[in-house]
Amino acid sequence: MPKMKTRKSASKRFTKTASGRIKCKQSHRSHILTKKSTKRKRHLRAPASIHESDVANVNRMCPYA
């Protein structure tokens, strides 16, 4: 059976931690930052983790991550 291909867009967005959880970058952090408060931008720095309902889809897109 041939190897499964990794979706390159998903491999750039998601990383798997040592405990097996999947983390990603938070949204609303790329542009129009002047109107957002410093506290809001600081809290957006922390990586977010994927919801349990989406884990199967991400694992299917990145089989070898």
N, C-alpha and C. Protein backbone atom coordinates (compact mmCIF):
# COMPACT_ATOMS: atom_id res chain seq x y z
N MET A 1 0.84 -1.18 0.00
CA MET A 1 0.00 0.00 0.00
C MET A 1 0.89 1.25 0.00
N PRO A 2 0.56 2.24 -0.85
CA PRO A 2 1.42 3.42 -0.92
C PRO A 2 1.28 4.30 0.32
N LYS A 3 2.25 5.18 0.49
CA LYS A 3 2.21 6.12 1.60
C LYS A 3 1.08 7.13 1.39
N MET A 4 0.55 7.62 2.50
CA MET A 4 -0.46 8.67 2.41
C MET A 4 0.25 10.01 2.26
N LYS A 5 -0.35 10.92 1.51
CA LYS A 5 0.24 12.24 1.34
C LYS A 5 -0.23 13.17 2.44
N THR A 6 0.66 14.02 2.87
CA THR A 6 0.33 15.03 3.87
C THR A 6 -0.18 16.28 3.15
N ARG A 7 -1.24 16.86 3.66
CA ARG A 7 -1.70 18.14 3.12
C ARG A 7 -0.76 19.21 3.61
N LYS A 8 -0.04 19.85 2.69
CA LYS A 8 1.02 20.78 3.06
C LYS A 8 0.46 22.01 3.78
N SER A 9 -0.73 22.44 3.43
CA SER A 9 -1.31 23.59 4.12
C SER A 9 -1.58 23.26 5.58
N ALA A 10 -1.99 22.03 5.86
CA ALA A 10 -2.25 21.63 7.24
C ALA A 10 -0.95 21.44 8.01
N SER A 11 0.09 20.95 7.34
CA SER A 11 1.36 20.76 8.04
C SER A 11 2.00 22.09 8.43
N LYS A 12 1.68 23.16 7.70
CA LYS A 12 2.20 24.48 8.05
C LYS A 12 1.41 25.11 9.20
N ARG A 13 0.18 24.69 9.40
CA ARG A 13 -0.68 25.31 10.41
C ARG A 13 -0.67 24.60 11.75
N PHE A 14 -0.48 23.30 11.76
CA PHE A 14 -0.63 22.52 12.98
C PHE A 14 0.68 21.83 13.34
N THR A 15 0.95 21.74 14.66
CA THR A 15 2.08 20.95 15.14
C THR A 15 1.59 20.07 16.28
N LYS A 16 2.18 18.91 16.39
CA LYS A 16 1.80 17.97 17.43
C LYS A 16 2.76 18.08 18.60
N THR A 17 2.24 18.13 19.81
CA THR A 17 3.08 18.23 21.00
C THR A 17 3.54 16.84 21.43
N ALA A 18 4.40 16.80 22.43
CA ALA A 18 4.93 15.52 22.90
C ALA A 18 3.83 14.67 23.54
N SER A 19 2.83 15.32 24.13
CA SER A 19 1.74 14.57 24.76
C SER A 19 0.68 14.13 23.76
N GLY A 20 0.82 14.55 22.50
CA GLY A 20 -0.12 14.12 21.47
C GLY A 20 -1.19 15.13 21.13
N ARG A 21 -1.24 16.24 21.84
CA ARG A 21 -2.22 17.28 21.53
C ARG A 21 -1.77 18.04 20.29
N ILE A 22 -2.69 18.68 19.60
CA ILE A 22 -2.38 19.43 18.40
C ILE A 22 -2.56 20.90 18.70
N LYS A 23 -1.51 21.69 18.44
CA LYS A 23 -1.61 23.12 18.70
C LYS A 23 -1.57 23.88 17.39
N CYS A 24 -2.11 25.10 17.42
CA CYS A 24 -2.17 25.94 16.24
C CYS A 24 -2.06 27.40 16.67
N LYS A 25 -1.90 28.27 15.70
CA LYS A 25 -1.81 29.69 15.97
C LYS A 25 -3.21 30.25 16.13
N GLN A 26 -3.35 31.25 16.99
CA GLN A 26 -4.66 31.85 17.20
C GLN A 26 -4.99 32.81 16.07
N SER A 27 -6.26 33.01 15.83
CA SER A 27 -6.71 33.94 14.79
C SER A 27 -6.73 35.37 15.32
N HIS A 28 -6.98 36.31 14.44
CA HIS A 28 -7.10 37.75 14.74
C HIS A 28 -5.78 38.35 15.20
N ARG A 29 -4.66 37.86 14.69
CA ARG A 29 -3.35 38.34 15.14
C ARG A 29 -2.49 38.80 13.97
N SER A 30 -3.02 38.83 12.76
CA SER A 30 -2.17 39.07 11.60
C SER A 30 -2.19 40.52 11.12
N HIS A 31 -3.32 41.20 11.18
CA HIS A 31 -3.35 42.58 10.69
C HIS A 31 -4.43 43.35 11.45
N ILE A 32 -4.46 44.68 11.23
CA ILE A 32 -5.35 45.62 11.93
C ILE A 32 -5.14 45.47 13.44
N LEU A 33 -3.88 45.62 13.85
CA LEU A 33 -3.55 45.44 15.25
C LEU A 33 -3.62 46.74 16.05
N THR A 34 -3.79 47.87 15.37
CA THR A 34 -3.76 49.14 16.08
C THR A 34 -4.99 49.35 16.95
N LYS A 35 -6.13 48.86 16.52
CA LYS A 35 -7.35 49.06 17.32
C LYS A 35 -7.52 48.03 18.44
N LYS A 36 -6.68 46.99 18.43
CA LYS A 36 -6.78 45.96 19.47
C LYS A 36 -5.94 46.36 20.67
N SER A 37 -6.42 46.05 21.84
CA SER A 37 -5.70 46.44 23.06
C SER A 37 -4.46 45.56 23.24
N THR A 38 -3.53 46.07 24.04
CA THR A 38 -2.29 45.34 24.31
C THR A 38 -2.57 44.03 25.01
N LYS A 39 -3.53 44.03 25.92
CA LYS A 39 -3.88 42.81 26.65
C LYS A 39 -4.44 41.75 25.70
N ARG A 40 -5.27 42.20 24.76
CA ARG A 40 -5.86 41.26 23.80
C ARG A 40 -4.79 40.64 22.91
N LYS A 41 -3.85 41.45 22.44
CA LYS A 41 -2.78 40.93 21.59
C LYS A 41 -1.84 40.01 22.37
N ARG A 42 -1.59 40.33 23.64
CA ARG A 42 -0.73 39.50 24.47
C ARG A 42 -1.35 38.13 24.69
N HIS A 43 -2.65 38.08 24.92
CA HIS A 43 -3.33 36.80 25.13
C HIS A 43 -3.42 35.98 23.84
N LEU A 44 -3.37 36.65 22.70
CA LEU A 44 -3.40 35.94 21.42
C LEU A 44 -2.06 35.32 21.07
N ARG A 45 -0.99 35.68 21.79
CA ARG A 45 0.33 35.10 21.51
C ARG A 45 0.40 33.63 21.87
N ALA A 46 -0.31 33.22 22.89
CA ALA A 46 -0.23 31.84 23.36
C ALA A 46 -0.84 30.90 22.32
N PRO A 47 -0.23 29.74 22.10
CA PRO A 47 -0.79 28.82 21.12
C PRO A 47 -2.09 28.21 21.60
N ALA A 48 -3.00 28.02 20.69
CA ALA A 48 -4.28 27.40 21.01
C ALA A 48 -4.20 25.92 20.67
N SER A 49 -5.10 25.14 21.24
CA SER A 49 -5.14 23.73 20.88
C SER A 49 -6.44 23.44 20.14
N ILE A 50 -6.41 22.42 19.33
CA ILE A 50 -7.54 22.07 18.48
C ILE A 50 -8.66 21.45 19.33
N HIS A 51 -9.90 21.74 18.97
CA HIS A 51 -11.05 21.17 19.65
C HIS A 51 -11.10 19.66 19.40
N GLU A 52 -11.66 18.94 20.36
CA GLU A 52 -11.68 17.46 20.26
C GLU A 52 -12.41 16.97 19.02
N SER A 53 -13.41 17.73 18.56
CA SER A 53 -14.17 17.28 17.39
C SER A 53 -13.38 17.42 16.10
N ASP A 54 -12.32 18.22 16.09
CA ASP A 54 -11.52 18.43 14.88
C ASP A 54 -10.24 17.61 14.84
N VAL A 55 -9.93 16.90 15.91
CA VAL A 55 -8.67 16.16 15.99
C VAL A 55 -8.58 15.08 14.92
N ALA A 56 -9.66 14.38 14.67
CA ALA A 56 -9.64 13.31 13.66
C ALA A 56 -9.37 13.86 12.27
N ASN A 57 -9.94 15.02 11.95
CA ASN A 57 -9.71 15.62 10.63
C ASN A 57 -8.26 16.05 10.47
N VAL A 58 -7.68 16.63 11.50
CA VAL A 58 -6.29 17.09 11.42
C VAL A 58 -5.36 15.88 11.33
N ASN A 59 -5.65 14.82 12.07
CA ASN A 59 -4.82 13.61 11.99
C ASN A 59 -4.89 12.97 10.61
N ARG A 60 -6.02 13.08 9.95
CA ARG A 60 -6.17 12.55 8.59
C ARG A 60 -5.38 13.39 7.60
N MET A 61 -5.31 14.71 7.83
CA MET A 61 -4.58 15.58 6.92
C MET A 61 -3.06 15.49 7.12
N CYS A 62 -2.63 15.22 8.36
CA CYS A 62 -1.20 15.10 8.68
C CYS A 62 -0.94 13.73 9.26
N PRO A 63 -0.87 12.68 8.46
CA PRO A 63 -0.77 11.32 9.02
C PRO A 63 0.56 11.02 9.69
N TYR A 64 1.65 11.69 9.32
CA TYR A 64 2.96 11.35 9.86
C TYR A 64 3.50 12.41 10.81
N ALA A 65 2.66 13.33 11.24
CA ALA A 65 3.12 14.40 12.14
C ALA A 65 3.24 13.91 13.56
